Amino acid sequence: MILTDTHIHLYSEDFQKDQKELIEEAFENDIKRFFLPAIDSNYVAAMYSLEKNYPEHVFLMAGLHPTHVKDDFEEELAKVEKQFSQRQFVAVGEIGIDLYWDRSTLEIQKKAFRRQIQLAKKYKLPMVIHCREAFDEVFEVLENEKSEDLFGIFHCFTGTYEQAQQALSYNMKLGIGGVVTFKNGKIDKFLKQIPIEEIVLETDGPYLAPVPFRGKRNKPVYLKKVAEKVAEIYELPLEEVAAITTQSSKDIFKI
C-alpha cells in the first residue's frame, strides 16, 4: 500500500528539529510520496535540499502563495518564472486567493493568480489552488481563464457540494485533508456524492491536523487518519482508497 500526500510543507520551520524522524515515521506507515507546494523565495533552498535528500519521495512545485502576495509581488513572480526556466517542477502552486488574513490585497492577489495560471498553461502543468474565504473570487478568475489545458487540485477543499461541483467543472481534483475529520467540517456530509476518483489526499502539514490531533502540529503520519476517514465515508478498504488516490496523484502530477 502506498499513500500519497499531495500537499505538505515539509520544509516548514515547524519540522526543522525532527524532520528526518517524521519522514521515516511516515515511510513506516506506507506514506511514500510527498508533494511540496511553494510559499515564496525564502523557502526555495530548503525545498531543494529535501528533494536532494529524498529524490524518490519528494516532488516540488513552484509558485507564490496568495498570503505572500505583497508590494514586492512582481519581484517574487519574476523569481518564480526564473525557476521554471531553469528546471522542472511537477506543478504551479500553491496559488490562488486568500481573503481571511487581508482583503486589501485582493486586486494584486488576482493579478498574481492569473499570471501563475498562465505559467501553468505555458509549461502544461497542473496548478494547486489555495482558496480561503474566496470561492467567488477564485471562480471568477478560473472562469476567465478556463480552457482545455487548465487542470490541477483545489487544495484543502472546504466548500459546499455546489462549490465542489463548480471546482470539478474546471478539471480540478479536490484535495481532502484534516477538515474531513472535523465535526463542523461539513464536507464529510456530501463527500460520498463525489466520485472517489475526483479526490486526492493531503495533510497541509504542519497545519490543519485531523481529529484527534486538531489544534496540534500536523505530522506527515497523520495522512493515514485522513485516509481512514475517507475509507469510512466511501465504505471502502483503506488499501483501495490508497490505490485510487495515489493513482489520481500520478494522473495529475505525471510522477
C-alpha atoms as a PDB file:
ATOM      1  CA  MET A   1       0.000   0.000   0.000  1.00  0.00           C
ATOM      2  CA  ILE A   2       1.247   3.471  -0.909  1.00  0.00           C
ATOM      3  CA  LEU A   3      -0.354   6.651   0.390  1.00  0.00           C
ATOM      4  CA  THR A   4       0.370   9.967  -1.309  1.00  0.00           C
ATOM      5  CA  ASP A   5       0.376  13.342   0.424  1.00  0.00           C
ATOM      6  CA  THR A   6      -0.357  15.807  -2.346  1.00  0.00           C
ATOM      7  CA  HIS A   7       0.210  18.881  -0.162  1.00  0.00           C
ATOM      8  CA  ILE A   8       2.646  19.196   2.733  1.00  0.00           C
ATOM      9  CA  HIS A   9       5.085  21.927   3.780  1.00  0.00           C
ATOM     10  CA  LEU A  10       7.857  19.543   4.848  1.00  0.00           C
ATOM     11  CA  TYR A  11      10.376  22.384   4.735  1.00  0.00           C
ATOM     12  CA  SER A  12       8.442  24.375   7.348  1.00  0.00           C
ATOM     13  CA  GLU A  13      10.234  25.708  10.413  1.00  0.00           C
ATOM     14  CA  ASP A  14       7.808  23.582  12.440  1.00  0.00           C
ATOM     15  CA  PHE A  15       9.506  20.452  11.104  1.00  0.00           C
ATOM     16  CA  GLN A  16      13.148  21.536  11.337  1.00  0.00           C
ATOM     17  CA  LYS A  17      14.043  19.854  14.624  1.00  0.00           C
ATOM     18  CA  ASP A  18      12.749  16.378  13.777  1.00  0.00           C
ATOM     19  CA  GLN A  19      12.237  16.423  10.013  1.00  0.00           C
ATOM     20  CA  LYS A  20      14.148  13.210   9.288  1.00  0.00           C
ATOM     21  CA  GLU A  21      12.390  11.269  12.049  1.00  0.00           C
ATOM     22  CA  LEU A  22       8.965  12.441  10.863  1.00  0.00           C
ATOM     23  CA  ILE A  23       9.678  11.390   7.285  1.00  0.00           C
ATOM     24  CA  GLU A  24      10.905   7.974   8.407  1.00  0.00           C
ATOM     25  CA  GLU A  25       7.781   7.573  10.551  1.00  0.00           C
ATOM     26  CA  ALA A  26       5.664   8.327   7.508  1.00  0.00           C
ATOM     27  CA  PHE A  27       7.562   5.768   5.415  1.00  0.00           C
ATOM     28  CA  GLU A  28       6.889   3.127   8.070  1.00  0.00           C
ATOM     29  CA  ASN A  29       3.179   3.873   7.748  1.00  0.00           C
ATOM     30  CA  ASP A  30       3.033   3.482   3.964  1.00  0.00           C
ATOM     31  CA  ILE A  31       3.201   7.221   3.184  1.00  0.00           C
ATOM     32  CA  LYS A  32       5.826   7.276   0.465  1.00  0.00           C
ATOM     33  CA  ARG A  33       5.091  10.270  -1.804  1.00  0.00           C
ATOM     34  CA  PHE A  34       5.167  13.931  -0.769  1.00  0.00           C
ATOM     35  CA  PHE A  35       4.287  16.880  -2.993  1.00  0.00           C
ATOM     36  CA  LEU A  36       5.617  20.185  -1.670  1.00  0.00           C
ATOM     37  CA  PRO A  37       3.858  23.460  -2.522  1.00  0.00           C
ATOM     38  CA  ALA A  38       5.880  26.657  -2.585  1.00  0.00           C
ATOM     39  CA  ILE A  39       5.267  29.773  -0.469  1.00  0.00           C
ATOM     40  CA  ASP A  40       7.829  32.348  -1.601  1.00  0.00           C
ATOM     41  CA  SER A  41      11.524  32.629  -2.487  1.00  0.00           C
ATOM     42  CA  ASN A  42      12.626  32.387   1.158  1.00  0.00           C
ATOM     43  CA  TYR A  43      11.846  28.644   1.198  1.00  0.00           C
ATOM     44  CA  VAL A  44      13.384  27.584  -2.117  1.00  0.00           C
ATOM     45  CA  ALA A  45      16.721  26.408  -0.691  1.00  0.00           C
ATOM     46  CA  ALA A  46      15.034  24.261   1.961  1.00  0.00           C
ATOM     47  CA  MET A  47      12.751  22.717  -0.657  1.00  0.00           C
ATOM     48  CA  TYR A  48      15.657  21.886  -2.955  1.00  0.00           C
ATOM     49  CA  SER A  49      17.509  20.293  -0.032  1.00  0.00           C
ATOM     50  CA  LEU A  50      14.599  17.958   0.720  1.00  0.00           C
ATOM     51  CA  GLU A  51      14.340  16.968  -2.923  1.00  0.00           C
ATOM     52  CA  LYS A  52      18.063  16.180  -2.976  1.00  0.00           C
ATOM     53  CA  ASN A  53      17.825  14.045   0.169  1.00  0.00           C
ATOM     54  CA  TYR A  54      14.674  12.171  -0.889  1.00  0.00           C
ATOM     55  CA  PRO A  55      14.630  12.193  -4.718  1.00  0.00           C
ATOM     56  CA  GLU A  56      12.317   9.174  -4.975  1.00  0.00           C
ATOM     57  CA  HIS A  57       9.798  10.545  -2.494  1.00  0.00           C
ATOM     58  CA  VAL A  58       9.762  14.356  -2.565  1.00  0.00           C
ATOM     59  CA  PHE A  59       8.442  16.343  -5.524  1.00  0.00           C
ATOM     60  CA  LEU A  60       8.442  20.112  -5.832  1.00  0.00           C
ATOM     61  CA  MET A  61       6.084  22.809  -7.029  1.00  0.00           C
ATOM     62  CA  ALA A  62       6.962  26.453  -7.604  1.00  0.00           C
ATOM     63  CA  GLY A  63       4.751  29.465  -7.085  1.00  0.00           C
ATOM     64  CA  LEU A  64       3.818  32.410  -4.899  1.00  0.00           C
ATOM     65  CA  HIS A  65       1.347  31.741  -2.078  1.00  0.00           C
ATOM     66  CA  PRO A  66      -1.542  34.255  -2.030  1.00  0.00           C
ATOM     67  CA  THR A  67      -0.879  35.315   1.582  1.00  0.00           C
ATOM     68  CA  HIS A  68       2.623  36.276   0.478  1.00  0.00           C
ATOM     69  CA  VAL A  69       1.440  38.493  -2.370  1.00  0.00           C
ATOM     70  CA  LYS A  70       2.694  41.843  -1.096  1.00  0.00           C
ATOM     71  CA  ASP A  71       4.067  45.070  -2.570  1.00  0.00           C
ATOM     72  CA  ASP A  72       7.061  43.131  -3.925  1.00  0.00           C
ATOM     73  CA  PHE A  73       4.911  40.523  -5.693  1.00  0.00           C
ATOM     74  CA  GLU A  74       6.256  41.411  -9.143  1.00  0.00           C
ATOM     75  CA  GLU A  75       9.785  40.671  -7.957  1.00  0.00           C
ATOM     76  CA  GLU A  76       8.628  37.421  -6.375  1.00  0.00           C
ATOM     77  CA  LEU A  77       6.802  36.374  -9.544  1.00  0.00           C
ATOM     78  CA  ALA A  78       9.924  37.082 -11.564  1.00  0.00           C
ATOM     79  CA  LYS A  79      11.811  34.652  -9.309  1.00  0.00           C
ATOM     80  CA  VAL A  80       9.102  32.031  -9.819  1.00  0.00           C
ATOM     81  CA  GLU A  81       9.267  32.481 -13.589  1.00  0.00           C
ATOM     82  CA  LYS A  82      13.039  32.181 -13.490  1.00  0.00           C
ATOM     83  CA  GLN A  83      12.800  28.905 -11.589  1.00  0.00           C
ATOM     84  CA  PHE A  84      10.559  27.444 -14.273  1.00  0.00           C
ATOM     85  CA  SER A  85      13.014  28.486 -16.961  1.00  0.00           C
ATOM     86  CA  GLN A  86      15.862  26.718 -15.134  1.00  0.00           C
ATOM     87  CA  ARG A  87      14.460  23.341 -14.115  1.00  0.00           C
ATOM     88  CA  GLN A  88      11.400  21.101 -13.951  1.00  0.00           C
ATOM     89  CA  PHE A  89       8.610  21.176 -11.395  1.00  0.00           C
ATOM     90  CA  VAL A  90       5.535  18.992 -11.009  1.00  0.00           C
ATOM     91  CA  ALA A  91       3.045  21.865 -10.625  1.00  0.00           C
ATOM     92  CA  VAL A  92       2.479  25.569 -10.191  1.00  0.00           C
ATOM     93  CA  GLY A  93       1.462  26.040  -6.586  1.00  0.00           C
ATOM     94  CA  GLU A  94       0.265  26.928  -4.296  1.00  0.00           C
ATOM     95  CA  ILE A  95      -1.528  29.811  -5.904  1.00  0.00           C
ATOM     96  CA  GLY A  96      -4.928  31.402  -5.555  1.00  0.00           C
ATOM     97  CA  ILE A  97      -6.715  33.911  -3.323  1.00  0.00           C
ATOM     98  CA  ASP A  98      -6.905  34.233   0.474  1.00  0.00           C
ATOM     99  CA  LEU A  99      -9.238  36.849   1.958  1.00  0.00           C
ATOM    100  CA  TYR A 100      -9.106  35.551   5.528  1.00  0.00           C
ATOM    101  CA  TRP A 101      -5.993  37.475   6.526  1.00  0.00           C
ATOM    102  CA  ASP A 102      -6.044  40.540   4.308  1.00  0.00           C
ATOM    103  CA  ARG A 103      -8.792  41.707   1.943  1.00  0.00           C
ATOM    104  CA  SER A 104      -6.863  44.825   0.939  1.00  0.00           C
ATOM    105  CA  THR A 105      -4.565  42.835  -1.368  1.00  0.00           C
ATOM    106  CA  LEU A 106      -7.387  41.274  -3.421  1.00  0.00           C
ATOM    107  CA  GLU A 107      -6.540  43.003  -6.690  1.00  0.00           C
ATOM    108  CA  ILE A 108      -2.848  42.116  -6.629  1.00  0.00           C
ATOM    109  CA  GLN A 109      -3.736  38.576  -5.489  1.00  0.00           C
ATOM    110  CA  LYS A 110      -5.945  38.260  -8.581  1.00  0.00           C
ATOM    111  CA  LYS A 111      -3.130  39.562 -10.764  1.00  0.00           C
ATOM    112  CA  ALA A 112      -0.610  37.117  -9.286  1.00  0.00           C
ATOM    113  CA  PHE A 113      -3.115  34.266  -9.622  1.00  0.00           C
ATOM    114  CA  ARG A 114      -3.742  34.991 -13.294  1.00  0.00           C
ATOM    115  CA  ARG A 115      -0.035  35.282 -14.059  1.00  0.00           C
ATOM    116  CA  GLN A 116       0.634  31.916 -12.489  1.00  0.00           C
ATOM    117  CA  ILE A 117      -2.259  30.267 -14.269  1.00  0.00           C
ATOM    118  CA  GLN A 118      -0.589  31.427 -17.469  1.00  0.00           C
ATOM    119  CA  LEU A 119       2.624  29.778 -16.287  1.00  0.00           C
ATOM    120  CA  ALA A 120       0.769  26.512 -15.746  1.00  0.00           C
ATOM    121  CA  LYS A 121      -0.603  26.704 -19.269  1.00  0.00           C
ATOM    122  CA  LYS A 122       2.776  27.621 -20.737  1.00  0.00           C
ATOM    123  CA  TYR A 123       4.517  24.636 -19.158  1.00  0.00           C
ATOM    124  CA  LYS A 124       1.490  22.331 -19.451  1.00  0.00           C
ATOM    125  CA  LEU A 125       1.487  21.739 -15.705  1.00  0.00           C
ATOM    126  CA  PRO A 126      -1.252  21.307 -13.120  1.00  0.00           C
ATOM    127  CA  MET A 127      -1.885  24.101 -10.667  1.00  0.00           C
ATOM    128  CA  VAL A 128      -2.601  23.717  -6.977  1.00  0.00           C
ATOM    129  CA  ILE A 129      -5.138  26.276  -5.805  1.00  0.00           C
ATOM    130  CA  HIS A 130      -5.416  27.852  -2.359  1.00  0.00           C
ATOM    131  CA  CYS A 131      -8.860  29.294  -1.639  1.00  0.00           C
ATOM    132  CA  ARG A 132      -9.789  30.713   1.751  1.00  0.00           C
ATOM    133  CA  GLU A 133     -12.965  32.759   2.095  1.00  0.00           C
ATOM    134  CA  ALA A 134     -12.638  33.500  -1.618  1.00  0.00           C
ATOM    135  CA  PHE A 135     -14.631  30.958  -3.613  1.00  0.00           C
ATOM    136  CA  ASP A 136     -16.440  33.580  -5.693  1.00  0.00           C
ATOM    137  CA  GLU A 137     -13.208  35.429  -6.431  1.00  0.00           C
ATOM    138  CA  VAL A 138     -11.293  32.259  -7.347  1.00  0.00           C
ATOM    139  CA  PHE A 139     -14.125  31.016  -9.560  1.00  0.00           C
ATOM    140  CA  GLU A 140     -14.268  34.391 -11.305  1.00  0.00           C
ATOM    141  CA  VAL A 141     -10.613  34.129 -12.272  1.00  0.00           C
ATOM    142  CA  LEU A 142     -10.942  30.485 -13.297  1.00  0.00           C
ATOM    143  CA  GLU A 143     -13.989  31.283 -15.432  1.00  0.00           C
ATOM    144  CA  ASN A 144     -11.985  33.897 -17.313  1.00  0.00           C
ATOM    145  CA  GLU A 145      -9.002  31.578 -17.728  1.00  0.00           C
ATOM    146  CA  LYS A 146     -10.749  28.267 -18.337  1.00  0.00           C
ATOM    147  CA  SER A 147      -9.527  26.146 -21.214  1.00  0.00           C
ATOM    148  CA  GLU A 148      -8.972  22.519 -22.074  1.00  0.00           C
ATOM    149  CA  ASP A 149      -5.396  22.669 -20.743  1.00  0.00           C
ATOM    150  CA  LEU A 150      -6.439  24.013 -17.331  1.00  0.00           C
ATOM    151  CA  PHE A 151      -6.252  21.340 -14.610  1.00  0.00           C
ATOM    152  CA  GLY A 152      -4.996  20.643 -11.117  1.00  0.00           C
ATOM    153  CA  ILE A 153      -6.086  20.410  -7.484  1.00  0.00           C
ATOM    154  CA  PHE A 154      -8.372  22.546  -5.347  1.00  0.00           C
ATOM    155  CA  HIS A 155      -6.215  22.213  -2.251  1.00  0.00           C
ATOM    156  CA  CYS A 156      -7.813  21.852   1.204  1.00  0.00           C
ATOM    157  CA  PHE A 157     -11.325  21.906  -0.149  1.00  0.00           C
ATOM    158  CA  THR A 158     -13.761  23.271   2.454  1.00  0.00           C
ATOM    159  CA  GLY A 159     -16.691  24.400   0.340  1.00  0.00           C
ATOM    160  CA  THR A 160     -20.225  23.189  -0.273  1.00  0.00           C
ATOM    161  CA  TYR A 161     -21.382  20.413  -2.578  1.00  0.00           C
ATOM    162  CA  GLU A 162     -22.318  23.030  -5.180  1.00  0.00           C
ATOM    163  CA  GLN A 163     -18.875  24.631  -4.932  1.00  0.00           C
ATOM    164  CA  ALA A 164     -17.295  21.195  -5.247  1.00  0.00           C
ATOM    165  CA  GLN A 165     -19.213  20.650  -8.484  1.00  0.00           C
ATOM    166  CA  GLN A 166     -18.053  24.006  -9.801  1.00  0.00           C
ATOM    167  CA  ALA A 167     -14.428  23.235  -8.905  1.00  0.00           C
ATOM    168  CA  LEU A 168     -14.685  19.884 -10.685  1.00  0.00           C
ATOM    169  CA  SER A 169     -16.075  21.649 -13.760  1.00  0.00           C
ATOM    170  CA  TYR A 170     -12.696  23.380 -14.166  1.00  0.00           C
ATOM    171  CA  ASN A 171     -10.962  19.980 -14.336  1.00  0.00           C
ATOM    172  CA  MET A 172      -9.821  20.176 -10.724  1.00  0.00           C
ATOM    173  CA  LYS A 173      -9.491  17.346  -8.245  1.00  0.00           C
ATOM    174  CA  LEU A 174     -10.458  18.077  -4.645  1.00  0.00           C
ATOM    175  CA  GLY A 175      -7.662  17.978  -2.072  1.00  0.00           C
ATOM    176  CA  ILE A 176      -9.085  16.368   1.067  1.00  0.00           C
ATOM    177  CA  GLY A 177      -7.267  16.834   4.361  1.00  0.00           C
ATOM    178  CA  GLY A 178      -7.851  17.013   8.103  1.00  0.00           C
ATOM    179  CA  VAL A 179     -11.037  19.092   7.734  1.00  0.00           C
ATOM    180  CA  VAL A 180     -12.859  15.928   6.662  1.00  0.00           C
ATOM    181  CA  THR A 181     -12.461  14.655  10.252  1.00  0.00           C
ATOM    182  CA  PHE A 182     -13.819  17.823  11.918  1.00  0.00           C
ATOM    183  CA  LYS A 183     -17.325  17.716  13.414  1.00  0.00           C
ATOM    184  CA  ASN A 184     -18.044  21.117  11.859  1.00  0.00           C
ATOM    185  CA  GLY A 185     -16.069  20.474   8.673  1.00  0.00           C
ATOM    186  CA  LYS A 186     -19.276  19.704   6.713  1.00  0.00           C
ATOM    187  CA  ILE A 187     -17.554  18.168   3.686  1.00  0.00           C
ATOM    188  CA  ASP A 188     -17.933  14.689   5.203  1.00  0.00           C
ATOM    189  CA  LYS A 189     -21.712  15.107   4.791  1.00  0.00           C
ATOM    190  CA  PHE A 190     -21.602  15.183   0.978  1.00  0.00           C
ATOM    191  CA  LEU A 191     -18.208  13.778   0.037  1.00  0.00           C
ATOM    192  CA  LYS A 192     -19.582  10.362  -0.915  1.00  0.00           C
ATOM    193  CA  GLN A 193     -21.611  12.068  -3.659  1.00  0.00           C
ATOM    194  CA  ILE A 194     -18.279  12.971  -5.294  1.00  0.00           C
ATOM    195  CA  PRO A 195     -16.657  10.070  -7.174  1.00  0.00           C
ATOM    196  CA  ILE A 196     -13.608   8.999  -5.194  1.00  0.00           C
ATOM    197  CA  GLU A 197     -11.563   9.248  -8.399  1.00  0.00           C
ATOM    198  CA  GLU A 198     -12.064  13.032  -8.167  1.00  0.00           C
ATOM    199  CA  ILE A 199     -10.274  13.445  -4.829  1.00  0.00           C
ATOM    200  CA  VAL A 200      -6.700  13.266  -3.602  1.00  0.00           C
ATOM    201  CA  LEU A 201      -5.374  13.149  -0.054  1.00  0.00           C
ATOM    202  CA  GLU A 202      -3.278  15.745   1.742  1.00  0.00           C
ATOM    203  CA  THR A 203      -2.200  16.881   5.190  1.00  0.00           C
ATOM    204  CA  ASP A 204      -1.268  20.546   4.596  1.00  0.00           C
ATOM    205  CA  GLY A 205       1.187  19.860   7.419  1.00  0.00           C
ATOM    206  CA  PRO A 206       2.110  21.460   9.729  1.00  0.00           C
ATOM    207  CA  TYR A 207      -1.403  22.959   9.560  1.00  0.00           C
ATOM    208  CA  LEU A 208      -4.912  21.518   9.953  1.00  0.00           C
ATOM    209  CA  ALA A 209      -4.163  18.335  11.890  1.00  0.00           C
ATOM    210  CA  PRO A 210      -7.021  15.819  11.802  1.00  0.00           C
ATOM    211  CA  VAL A 211      -9.038  14.673  14.800  1.00  0.00           C
ATOM    212  CA  PRO A 212      -7.926  13.600  17.409  1.00  0.00           C
ATOM    213  CA  PHE A 213      -4.891  15.887  16.943  1.00  0.00           C
ATOM    214  CA  ARG A 214      -6.807  19.018  15.899  1.00  0.00           C
ATOM    215  CA  GLY A 215      -5.041  22.179  17.041  1.00  0.00           C
ATOM    216  CA  LYS A 216      -1.645  20.475  17.241  1.00  0.00           C
ATOM    217  CA  ARG A 217       1.175  20.258  14.723  1.00  0.00           C
ATOM    218  CA  ASN A 218       0.071  18.216  11.736  1.00  0.00           C
ATOM    219  CA  LYS A 219       2.664  15.479  11.249  1.00  0.00           C
ATOM    220  CA  PRO A 220       3.185  13.614   7.954  1.00  0.00           C
ATOM    221  CA  VAL A 221       1.995  10.346   9.501  1.00  0.00           C
ATOM    222  CA  TYR A 222      -1.417  11.872  10.161  1.00  0.00           C
ATOM    223  CA  LEU A 223      -2.257  11.446   6.486  1.00  0.00           C
ATOM    224  CA  LYS A 224      -3.315   7.959   7.490  1.00  0.00           C
ATOM    225  CA  LYS A 225      -6.048   9.435   9.705  1.00  0.00           C
ATOM    226  CA  VAL A 226      -7.376  11.350   6.702  1.00  0.00           C
ATOM    227  CA  ALA A 227      -7.260   8.210   4.558  1.00  0.00           C
ATOM    228  CA  GLU A 228      -9.066   6.191   7.225  1.00  0.00           C
ATOM    229  CA  LYS A 229     -11.867   8.768   7.413  1.00  0.00           C
ATOM    230  CA  VAL A 230     -12.209   8.790   3.633  1.00  0.00           C
ATOM    231  CA  ALA A 231     -12.344   4.987   3.655  1.00  0.00           C
ATOM    232  CA  GLU A 232     -15.117   5.165   6.255  1.00  0.00           C
ATOM    233  CA  ILE A 233     -17.114   7.695   4.216  1.00  0.00           C
ATOM    234  CA  TYR A 234     -16.835   5.735   0.961  1.00  0.00           C
ATOM    235  CA  GLU A 235     -17.188   2.382   2.724  1.00  0.00           C
ATOM    236  CA  LEU A 236     -14.053   1.069   1.068  1.00  0.00           C
ATOM    237  CA  PRO A 237     -10.961  -0.751   2.360  1.00  0.00           C
ATOM    238  CA  LEU A 238      -8.094   1.579   3.257  1.00  0.00           C
ATOM    239  CA  GLU A 239      -5.894  -0.150   0.683  1.00  0.00           C
ATOM    240  CA  GLU A 240      -8.372   0.675  -2.080  1.00  0.00           C
ATOM    241  CA  VAL A 241      -8.555   4.329  -1.035  1.00  0.00           C
ATOM    242  CA  ALA A 242      -4.755   4.456  -1.072  1.00  0.00           C
ATOM    243  CA  ALA A 243      -4.577   2.888  -4.530  1.00  0.00           C
ATOM    244  CA  ILE A 244      -7.233   5.131  -6.095  1.00  0.00           C
ATOM    245  CA  THR A 245      -5.989   8.412  -4.626  1.00  0.00           C
ATOM    246  CA  THR A 246      -2.355   7.618  -5.360  1.00  0.00           C
ATOM    247  CA  GLN A 247      -3.255   6.820  -8.975  1.00  0.00           C
ATOM    248  CA  SER A 248      -5.108  10.134  -9.185  1.00  0.00           C
ATOM    249  CA  SER A 249      -1.983  11.914  -7.956  1.00  0.00           C
ATOM    250  CA  LYS A 250       0.002  10.169 -10.677  1.00  0.00           C
ATOM    251  CA  ASP A 251      -2.540  11.230 -13.281  1.00  0.00           C
ATOM    252  CA  ILE A 252      -2.214  14.859 -12.165  1.00  0.00           C
ATOM    253  CA  PHE A 253       1.500  15.193 -11.489  1.00  0.00           C
ATOM    254  CA  LYS A 254       2.740  12.614 -14.035  1.00  0.00           C
ATOM    255  CA  ILE A 255       5.011  11.143 -11.347  1.00  0.00           C
END
